Amino acid sequence: MTKFRPCIDLHQGRVKQIVGGSLRDEGPGPVENFIADRPARWFAETFRADGLTGGHVVKLGPGNDDAAREALAGWPGGLQLGGGIDASNAAAWLDAGAAHVIVTSALFDAQGRLLPEALAALVTAVGRERLVIDLSCRRTGTGWTVAMNRWQTLTQVPVNHATLDQFAPSCAEFLIHAADVEGLCRGIDADLVALLGTWGKLPVTYAGGAASLADVRLVEQAGQGRVDVTVGSALDLFGGKGVTYQELVAWNRRKS
């Protein structure tokens, strides 16, 4: 059944909730829905105390390594870690306390072409059982396309069952943000969730747009109970007004 998985998004060393489509290397800064006055470790310890497993820490750009280490220290072995992961540093982040490492951009060249050798190197470095492949994506004319570099650059890889089948032998699970609705609190991409739910061969976590507990229920319905969900900007823990943290803790306990 669908489970709520917590997240800690880090930007410039602080826990934030950001409109995903507004991240840019150049020009104005991203649209920020929330900037925490508590450190990353506090959130990790809170999730640990409430038994919320399978969550993730994502470093959105440079300057986040110290905060990421603090979060992992708050729950050793309890959180996944993504952002700038490649074969050269993946094992070190596992040693720092990450349960899994999450990878996207390192799997592609600058033109968005898949680099099979980069994936093979990661599997060699940490093993498929410790690797999460992030296929976060944008909607395109043909469906959805994986986006890299903090969702700024479209790759040449579609999100469909064939792609999931291609990557499945090399990872333990998938993380998929719907970048077009991430941080907007206007509802999930139910079509994408349905696509993921009809596959169902490995654990999948969906993130993007969840604005209420009704959206969590919709993920469970559209994903046939096979897709977990992250709630960010709508969550009261992050300054949102759509759903309370305690509601989601209760949701997970109801399913246990």
C-alpha atoms as a PDB file:
ATOM      1  CA  MET A   1       0.000   0.000   0.000  1.00  0.00           C
ATOM      2  CA  THR A   2       1.044   3.594  -0.560  1.00  0.00           C
ATOM      3  CA  LYS A   3       3.322   4.979   2.141  1.00  0.00           C
ATOM      4  CA  PHE A   4       4.283   8.576   2.904  1.00  0.00           C
ATOM      5  CA  ARG A   5       8.033   9.056   2.625  1.00  0.00           C
ATOM      6  CA  PRO A   6       9.568  12.213   4.116  1.00  0.00           C
ATOM      7  CA  CYS A   7      12.033  14.491   2.376  1.00  0.00           C
ATOM      8  CA  ILE A   8      14.711  17.004   3.332  1.00  0.00           C
ATOM      9  CA  ASP A   9      15.536  19.329   0.432  1.00  0.00           C
ATOM     10  CA  LEU A  10      18.722  21.322   0.917  1.00  0.00           C
ATOM     11  CA  HIS A  11      19.558  24.565  -0.890  1.00  0.00           C
ATOM     12  CA  GLN A  12      22.486  26.803   0.057  1.00  0.00           C
ATOM     13  CA  GLY A  13      22.944  24.776   3.237  1.00  0.00           C
ATOM     14  CA  ARG A  14      19.407  25.186   4.550  1.00  0.00           C
ATOM     15  CA  VAL A  15      16.250  23.090   4.520  1.00  0.00           C
ATOM     16  CA  LYS A  16      13.914  24.618   1.945  1.00  0.00           C
ATOM     17  CA  GLN A  17      10.883  23.872  -0.162  1.00  0.00           C
ATOM     18  CA  ILE A  18      11.353  25.192  -3.690  1.00  0.00           C
ATOM     19  CA  VAL A  19       9.207  25.322  -6.813  1.00  0.00           C
ATOM     20  CA  GLY A  20      11.096  22.697  -8.803  1.00  0.00           C
ATOM     21  CA  GLY A  21      10.707  24.313 -12.201  1.00  0.00           C
ATOM     22  CA  SER A  22      12.286  27.557 -10.950  1.00  0.00           C
ATOM     23  CA  LEU A  23      15.777  26.133 -10.311  1.00  0.00           C
ATOM     24  CA  ARG A  24      18.306  27.760 -12.639  1.00  0.00           C
ATOM     25  CA  ASP A  25      22.086  28.013 -12.832  1.00  0.00           C
ATOM     26  CA  GLU A  26      21.764  31.580 -14.120  1.00  0.00           C
ATOM     27  CA  GLY A  27      19.305  34.419 -13.688  1.00  0.00           C
ATOM     28  CA  PRO A  28      17.064  35.024 -10.671  1.00  0.00           C
ATOM     29  CA  GLY A  29      17.085  32.619  -7.769  1.00  0.00           C
ATOM     30  CA  PRO A  30      14.461  29.897  -7.356  1.00  0.00           C
ATOM     31  CA  VAL A  31      10.987  30.485  -5.977  1.00  0.00           C
ATOM     32  CA  GLU A  32      11.187  29.489  -2.315  1.00  0.00           C
ATOM     33  CA  ASN A  33       8.033  28.356  -0.534  1.00  0.00           C
ATOM     34  CA  PHE A  34       9.746  27.722   2.791  1.00  0.00           C
ATOM     35  CA  ILE A  35      13.091  28.289   4.500  1.00  0.00           C
ATOM     36  CA  ALA A  36      13.515  26.416   7.776  1.00  0.00           C
ATOM     37  CA  ASP A  37      14.933  27.986  10.903  1.00  0.00           C
ATOM     38  CA  ARG A  38      15.766  24.496  12.176  1.00  0.00           C
ATOM     39  CA  PRO A  39      18.794  22.492  11.001  1.00  0.00           C
ATOM     40  CA  ALA A  40      18.561  19.470   8.741  1.00  0.00           C
ATOM     41  CA  ARG A  41      19.400  17.164  11.638  1.00  0.00           C
ATOM     42  CA  TRP A  42      16.236  18.214  13.506  1.00  0.00           C
ATOM     43  CA  PHE A  43      14.067  17.030  10.626  1.00  0.00           C
ATOM     44  CA  ALA A  44      15.974  13.749  10.363  1.00  0.00           C
ATOM     45  CA  GLU A  45      15.589  13.106  14.074  1.00  0.00           C
ATOM     46  CA  THR A  46      11.878  13.913  13.880  1.00  0.00           C
ATOM     47  CA  PHE A  47      11.354  11.423  11.066  1.00  0.00           C
ATOM     48  CA  ARG A  48      13.362   8.840  12.991  1.00  0.00           C
ATOM     49  CA  ALA A  49      11.291   9.317  16.131  1.00  0.00           C
ATOM     50  CA  ASP A  50       8.100   8.729  14.162  1.00  0.00           C
ATOM     51  CA  GLY A  51       9.426   5.725  12.259  1.00  0.00           C
ATOM     52  CA  LEU A  52       9.107   7.273   8.806  1.00  0.00           C
ATOM     53  CA  THR A  53      11.357   5.048   6.715  1.00  0.00           C
ATOM     54  CA  GLY A  54      12.521   5.380   3.119  1.00  0.00           C
ATOM     55  CA  GLY A  55      12.827   9.168   3.089  1.00  0.00           C
ATOM     56  CA  HIS A  56      15.438  11.116   1.219  1.00  0.00           C
ATOM     57  CA  VAL A  57      17.808  14.060   1.518  1.00  0.00           C
ATOM     58  CA  VAL A  58      18.439  15.923  -1.744  1.00  0.00           C
ATOM     59  CA  LYS A  59      21.229  18.451  -2.212  1.00  0.00           C
ATOM     60  CA  LEU A  60      19.998  21.077  -4.670  1.00  0.00           C
ATOM     61  CA  GLY A  61      23.271  22.496  -5.882  1.00  0.00           C
ATOM     62  CA  PRO A  62      26.553  23.277  -4.105  1.00  0.00           C
ATOM     63  CA  GLY A  63      27.057  24.269  -0.483  1.00  0.00           C
ATOM     64  CA  ASN A  64      24.939  21.515   1.030  1.00  0.00           C
ATOM     65  CA  ASP A  65      27.418  18.829   2.024  1.00  0.00           C
ATOM     66  CA  ASP A  66      27.688  19.826   5.690  1.00  0.00           C
ATOM     67  CA  ALA A  67      23.916  20.013   6.121  1.00  0.00           C
ATOM     68  CA  ALA A  68      23.529  16.650   4.394  1.00  0.00           C
ATOM     69  CA  ARG A  69      26.030  15.041   6.753  1.00  0.00           C
ATOM     70  CA  GLU A  70      24.163  16.519   9.725  1.00  0.00           C
ATOM     71  CA  ALA A  71      20.911  15.027   8.472  1.00  0.00           C
ATOM     72  CA  LEU A  72      22.457  11.602   7.960  1.00  0.00           C
ATOM     73  CA  ALA A  73      23.998  11.775  11.431  1.00  0.00           C
ATOM     74  CA  GLY A  74      20.519  12.393  12.797  1.00  0.00           C
ATOM     75  CA  TRP A  75      19.376   9.051  11.423  1.00  0.00           C
ATOM     76  CA  PRO A  76      22.236   6.792  10.347  1.00  0.00           C
ATOM     77  CA  GLY A  77      20.972   4.267   7.832  1.00  0.00           C
ATOM     78  CA  GLY A  78      17.516   5.822   7.760  1.00  0.00           C
ATOM     79  CA  LEU A  79      17.642   8.252   4.837  1.00  0.00           C
ATOM     80  CA  GLN A  80      18.639   8.146   1.192  1.00  0.00           C
ATOM     81  CA  LEU A  81      20.979  10.825  -0.173  1.00  0.00           C
ATOM     82  CA  GLY A  82      20.931  12.443  -3.613  1.00  0.00           C
ATOM     83  CA  GLY A  83      22.481  15.399  -5.391  1.00  0.00           C
ATOM     84  CA  GLY A  84      25.842  15.291  -7.166  1.00  0.00           C
ATOM     85  CA  ILE A  85      26.241  11.557  -6.673  1.00  0.00           C
ATOM     86  CA  ASP A  86      28.590   9.628  -8.962  1.00  0.00           C
ATOM     87  CA  ALA A  87      30.870   6.609  -8.747  1.00  0.00           C
ATOM     88  CA  SER A  88      33.658   8.640  -7.149  1.00  0.00           C
ATOM     89  CA  ASN A  89      31.698   9.734  -4.070  1.00  0.00           C
ATOM     90  CA  ALA A  90      28.783   7.308  -3.690  1.00  0.00           C
ATOM     91  CA  ALA A  91      30.510   4.960  -1.259  1.00  0.00           C
ATOM     92  CA  ALA A  92      31.625   7.871   0.926  1.00  0.00           C
ATOM     93  CA  TRP A  93      28.017   8.999   1.361  1.00  0.00           C
ATOM     94  CA  LEU A  94      27.018   5.492   2.365  1.00  0.00           C
ATOM     95  CA  ASP A  95      29.847   5.577   4.912  1.00  0.00           C
ATOM     96  CA  ALA A  96      28.438   8.906   6.145  1.00  0.00           C
ATOM     97  CA  GLY A  97      25.168   7.176   7.000  1.00  0.00           C
ATOM     98  CA  ALA A  98      23.024   7.158   3.855  1.00  0.00           C
ATOM     99  CA  ALA A  99      20.857   4.079   3.450  1.00  0.00           C
ATOM    100  CA  HIS A 100      21.028   4.450  -0.342  1.00  0.00           C
ATOM    101  CA  VAL A 101      22.464   6.932  -2.799  1.00  0.00           C
ATOM    102  CA  ILE A 102      20.266   8.545  -5.440  1.00  0.00           C
ATOM    103  CA  VAL A 103      21.598   9.325  -8.904  1.00  0.00           C
ATOM    104  CA  THR A 104      20.405  11.101 -12.055  1.00  0.00           C
ATOM    105  CA  SER A 105      22.764  13.512 -13.783  1.00  0.00           C
ATOM    106  CA  ALA A 106      25.866  11.331 -13.523  1.00  0.00           C
ATOM    107  CA  LEU A 107      24.160   8.801 -15.802  1.00  0.00           C
ATOM    108  CA  PHE A 108      24.102  11.216 -18.754  1.00  0.00           C
ATOM    109  CA  ASP A 109      26.506  13.277 -20.851  1.00  0.00           C
ATOM    110  CA  ALA A 110      26.040  17.009 -21.431  1.00  0.00           C
ATOM    111  CA  GLN A 111      23.675  16.316 -24.342  1.00  0.00           C
ATOM    112  CA  GLY A 112      21.446  14.094 -22.229  1.00  0.00           C
ATOM    113  CA  ARG A 113      22.599  10.823 -23.707  1.00  0.00           C
ATOM    114  CA  LEU A 114      22.690   7.836 -21.378  1.00  0.00           C
ATOM    115  CA  LEU A 115      26.134   6.642 -20.286  1.00  0.00           C
ATOM    116  CA  PRO A 116      25.797   2.904 -19.545  1.00  0.00           C
ATOM    117  CA  GLU A 117      29.363   2.789 -18.314  1.00  0.00           C
ATOM    118  CA  ALA A 118      28.576   5.406 -15.634  1.00  0.00           C
ATOM    119  CA  LEU A 119      25.713   3.284 -14.340  1.00  0.00           C
ATOM    120  CA  ALA A 120      27.900   0.190 -14.360  1.00  0.00           C
ATOM    121  CA  ALA A 121      30.568   2.037 -12.373  1.00  0.00           C
ATOM    122  CA  LEU A 122      28.021   3.047  -9.735  1.00  0.00           C
ATOM    123  CA  VAL A 123      26.737  -0.509  -9.414  1.00  0.00           C
ATOM    124  CA  THR A 124      30.327  -1.683  -8.996  1.00  0.00           C
ATOM    125  CA  ALA A 125      31.000   1.007  -6.389  1.00  0.00           C
ATOM    126  CA  VAL A 126      27.988   0.454  -4.126  1.00  0.00           C
ATOM    127  CA  GLY A 127      25.926  -2.469  -5.439  1.00  0.00           C
ATOM    128  CA  ARG A 128      22.457  -2.267  -6.962  1.00  0.00           C
ATOM    129  CA  GLU A 129      20.865  -2.868  -3.550  1.00  0.00           C
ATOM    130  CA  ARG A 130      22.153   0.513  -2.319  1.00  0.00           C
ATOM    131  CA  LEU A 131      21.332   2.501  -5.466  1.00  0.00           C
ATOM    132  CA  VAL A 132      18.182   4.524  -6.208  1.00  0.00           C
ATOM    133  CA  ILE A 133      17.770   5.820  -9.753  1.00  0.00           C
ATOM    134  CA  ASP A 134      16.056   9.195  -9.969  1.00  0.00           C
ATOM    135  CA  LEU A 135      13.998   9.473 -13.154  1.00  0.00           C
ATOM    136  CA  SER A 136      12.510  12.861 -12.313  1.00  0.00           C
ATOM    137  CA  CYS A 137      10.922  14.237 -15.417  1.00  0.00           C
ATOM    138  CA  ARG A 138       8.993  16.865 -17.340  1.00  0.00           C
ATOM    139  CA  ARG A 139       5.918  16.331 -19.436  1.00  0.00           C
ATOM    140  CA  THR A 140       6.613  16.496 -23.158  1.00  0.00           C
ATOM    141  CA  GLY A 141       4.613  15.958 -26.319  1.00  0.00           C
ATOM    142  CA  THR A 142       5.219  12.221 -26.194  1.00  0.00           C
ATOM    143  CA  GLY A 143       4.673  11.675 -22.455  1.00  0.00           C
ATOM    144  CA  TRP A 144       7.431  12.361 -19.917  1.00  0.00           C
ATOM    145  CA  THR A 145      11.166  12.826 -20.389  1.00  0.00           C
ATOM    146  CA  VAL A 146      13.855  12.473 -17.717  1.00  0.00           C
ATOM    147  CA  ALA A 147      15.323  15.861 -16.727  1.00  0.00           C
ATOM    148  CA  MET A 148      18.800  16.275 -15.234  1.00  0.00           C
ATOM    149  CA  ASN A 149      20.873  19.125 -13.721  1.00  0.00           C
ATOM    150  CA  ARG A 150      18.240  20.008 -11.112  1.00  0.00           C
ATOM    151  CA  TRP A 151      15.502  19.426 -13.726  1.00  0.00           C
ATOM    152  CA  GLN A 152      16.869  22.100 -16.068  1.00  0.00           C
ATOM    153  CA  THR A 153      18.003  19.859 -18.951  1.00  0.00           C
ATOM    154  CA  LEU A 154      15.935  17.274 -20.798  1.00  0.00           C
ATOM    155  CA  THR A 155      17.700  14.009 -21.540  1.00  0.00           C
ATOM    156  CA  GLN A 156      16.998  11.606 -24.382  1.00  0.00           C
ATOM    157  CA  VAL A 157      15.357   9.083 -22.049  1.00  0.00           C
ATOM    158  CA  PRO A 158      11.559   8.800 -21.788  1.00  0.00           C
ATOM    159  CA  VAL A 159       9.774   7.684 -18.638  1.00  0.00           C
ATOM    160  CA  ASN A 160       7.864   4.570 -19.624  1.00  0.00           C
ATOM    161  CA  HIS A 161       7.730   0.899 -18.787  1.00  0.00           C
ATOM    162  CA  ALA A 162      10.576   0.056 -21.153  1.00  0.00           C
ATOM    163  CA  THR A 163      12.886   2.527 -19.410  1.00  0.00           C
ATOM    164  CA  LEU A 164      11.939   1.209 -15.981  1.00  0.00           C
ATOM    165  CA  ASP A 165      12.646  -2.322 -17.212  1.00  0.00           C
ATOM    166  CA  GLN A 166      16.001  -1.172 -18.595  1.00  0.00           C
ATOM    167  CA  PHE A 167      17.175   0.314 -15.296  1.00  0.00           C
ATOM    168  CA  ALA A 168      15.555  -2.145 -12.870  1.00  0.00           C
ATOM    169  CA  PRO A 169      18.410  -4.695 -12.842  1.00  0.00           C
ATOM    170  CA  SER A 170      20.798  -1.933 -11.709  1.00  0.00           C
ATOM    171  CA  CYS A 171      18.937  -0.435  -8.741  1.00  0.00           C
ATOM    172  CA  ALA A 172      16.878  -1.124  -5.638  1.00  0.00           C
ATOM    173  CA  GLU A 173      14.143   1.422  -6.354  1.00  0.00           C
ATOM    174  CA  PHE A 174      13.163   4.565  -8.234  1.00  0.00           C
ATOM    175  CA  LEU A 175      12.499   8.155  -7.190  1.00  0.00           C
ATOM    176  CA  ILE A 176      10.466  10.233  -9.638  1.00  0.00           C
ATOM    177  CA  HIS A 177       9.652  13.915  -9.230  1.00  0.00           C
ATOM    178  CA  ALA A 178       7.088  15.439 -11.568  1.00  0.00           C
ATOM    179  CA  ALA A 179       9.167  18.598 -12.026  1.00  0.00           C
ATOM    180  CA  ASP A 180       6.404  20.589 -13.721  1.00  0.00           C
ATOM    181  CA  VAL A 181       4.187  20.456 -10.619  1.00  0.00           C
ATOM    182  CA  GLU A 182       6.883  20.176  -7.920  1.00  0.00           C
ATOM    183  CA  GLY A 183       6.330  22.786  -5.205  1.00  0.00           C
ATOM    184  CA  LEU A 184       3.145  24.246  -6.703  1.00  0.00           C
ATOM    185  CA  CYS A 185       0.656  22.511  -4.340  1.00  0.00           C
ATOM    186  CA  ARG A 186      -1.874  22.279  -7.168  1.00  0.00           C
ATOM    187  CA  GLY A 187      -2.306  18.538  -7.276  1.00  0.00           C
ATOM    188  CA  ILE A 188      -0.339  15.526  -8.424  1.00  0.00           C
ATOM    189  CA  ASP A 189       0.287  14.316 -11.969  1.00  0.00           C
ATOM    190  CA  ALA A 190      -2.155  11.426 -11.728  1.00  0.00           C
ATOM    191  CA  ASP A 191      -1.349  10.190 -15.239  1.00  0.00           C
ATOM    192  CA  LEU A 192       2.320   9.764 -14.322  1.00  0.00           C
ATOM    193  CA  VAL A 193       1.401   8.012 -11.071  1.00  0.00           C
ATOM    194  CA  ALA A 194      -0.874   5.652 -13.017  1.00  0.00           C
ATOM    195  CA  LEU A 195       1.972   4.841 -15.410  1.00  0.00           C
ATOM    196  CA  LEU A 196       4.223   3.999 -12.472  1.00  0.00           C
ATOM    197  CA  GLY A 197       1.540   1.986 -10.714  1.00  0.00           C
ATOM    198  CA  THR A 198       0.860  -0.239 -13.711  1.00  0.00           C
ATOM    199  CA  TRP A 199       4.563  -1.196 -13.777  1.00  0.00           C
ATOM    200  CA  GLY A 200       5.043  -2.158 -10.127  1.00  0.00           C
ATOM    201  CA  LYS A 201       8.176  -4.307 -10.297  1.00  0.00           C
ATOM    202  CA  LEU A 202      10.328  -2.324  -7.814  1.00  0.00           C
ATOM    203  CA  PRO A 203       9.554   0.232  -5.111  1.00  0.00           C
ATOM    204  CA  VAL A 204       8.789   3.658  -6.598  1.00  0.00           C
ATOM    205  CA  THR A 205       8.407   6.990  -4.803  1.00  0.00           C
ATOM    206  CA  TYR A 206       6.532   9.824  -6.520  1.00  0.00           C
ATOM    207  CA  ALA A 207       6.966  13.482  -5.610  1.00  0.00           C
ATOM    208  CA  GLY A 208       5.298  16.586  -6.979  1.00  0.00           C
ATOM    209  CA  GLY A 209       2.226  18.705  -6.383  1.00  0.00           C
ATOM    210  CA  ALA A 210       0.609  16.895  -3.451  1.00  0.00           C
ATOM    211  CA  ALA A 211      -1.520  19.531  -1.741  1.00  0.00           C
ATOM    212  CA  SER A 212      -3.695  17.571   0.688  1.00  0.00           C
ATOM    213  CA  LEU A 213      -4.400  14.195   2.199  1.00  0.00           C
ATOM    214  CA  ALA A 214      -6.827  13.714  -0.687  1.00  0.00           C
ATOM    215  CA  ASP A 215      -3.851  13.830  -3.042  1.00  0.00           C
ATOM    216  CA  VAL A 216      -2.117  11.129  -0.991  1.00  0.00           C
ATOM    217  CA  ARG A 217      -5.251   9.018  -1.383  1.00  0.00           C
ATOM    218  CA  LEU A 218      -5.222   9.753  -5.118  1.00  0.00           C
ATOM    219  CA  VAL A 219      -1.646   8.500  -5.386  1.00  0.00           C
ATOM    220  CA  GLU A 220      -2.732   5.283  -3.718  1.00  0.00           C
ATOM    221  CA  GLN A 221      -5.709   4.965  -6.059  1.00  0.00           C
ATOM    222  CA  ALA A 222      -3.994   5.930  -9.326  1.00  0.00           C
ATOM    223  CA  GLY A 223      -0.864   3.967  -8.449  1.00  0.00           C
ATOM    224  CA  GLN A 224      -2.791   0.866  -7.357  1.00  0.00           C
ATOM    225  CA  GLY A 225      -1.069   1.008  -3.968  1.00  0.00           C
ATOM    226  CA  ARG A 226       2.312   0.378  -5.605  1.00  0.00           C
ATOM    227  CA  VAL A 227       3.631   3.964  -5.519  1.00  0.00           C
ATOM    228  CA  ASP A 228       4.814   5.768  -2.389  1.00  0.00           C
ATOM    229  CA  VAL A 229       4.523   9.550  -2.087  1.00  0.00           C
ATOM    230  CA  THR A 230       6.445  12.534  -0.778  1.00  0.00           C
ATOM    231  CA  VAL A 231       4.690  15.689   0.432  1.00  0.00           C
ATOM    232  CA  GLY A 232       6.750  18.867   0.642  1.00  0.00           C
ATOM    233  CA  SER A 233       5.486  22.420   0.299  1.00  0.00           C
ATOM    234  CA  ALA A 234       1.933  21.612   1.421  1.00  0.00           C
ATOM    235  CA  LEU A 235       3.121  20.059   4.690  1.00  0.00           C
ATOM    236  CA  ASP A 236       2.740  22.086   7.876  1.00  0.00           C
ATOM    237  CA  LEU A 237       6.214  20.957   8.977  1.00  0.00           C
ATOM    238  CA  PHE A 238       7.492  23.042   6.048  1.00  0.00           C
ATOM    239  CA  GLY A 239       5.114  25.958   6.533  1.00  0.00           C
ATOM    240  CA  GLY A 240       2.334  24.578   4.343  1.00  0.00           C
ATOM    241  CA  LYS A 241      -1.380  24.575   5.024  1.00  0.00           C
ATOM    242  CA  GLY A 242      -2.628  21.602   3.025  1.00  0.00           C
ATOM    243  CA  VAL A 243      -1.818  18.616   5.238  1.00  0.00           C
ATOM    244  CA  THR A 244      -0.406  18.110   8.702  1.00  0.00           C
ATOM    245  CA  TYR A 245       2.626  16.047   9.533  1.00  0.00           C
ATOM    246  CA  GLN A 246       0.642  14.118  12.137  1.00  0.00           C
ATOM    247  CA  GLU A 247      -1.955  13.176   9.515  1.00  0.00           C
ATOM    248  CA  LEU A 248       0.772  11.569   7.444  1.00  0.00           C
ATOM    249  CA  VAL A 249       2.327   9.819  10.425  1.00  0.00           C
ATOM    250  CA  ALA A 250      -1.131   8.414  11.159  1.00  0.00           C
ATOM    251  CA  TRP A 251      -1.517   7.433   7.482  1.00  0.00           C
ATOM    252  CA  ASN A 252       1.608   5.310   7.629  1.00  0.00           C
ATOM    253  CA  ARG A 253       0.633   3.715  10.920  1.00  0.00           C
ATOM    254  CA  ARG A 254      -2.767   2.838   9.511  1.00  0.00           C
ATOM    255  CA  LYS A 255      -1.022   0.928   6.748  1.00  0.00           C
ATOM    256  CA  SER A 256       1.463  -0.869   8.965  1.00  0.00           C
END
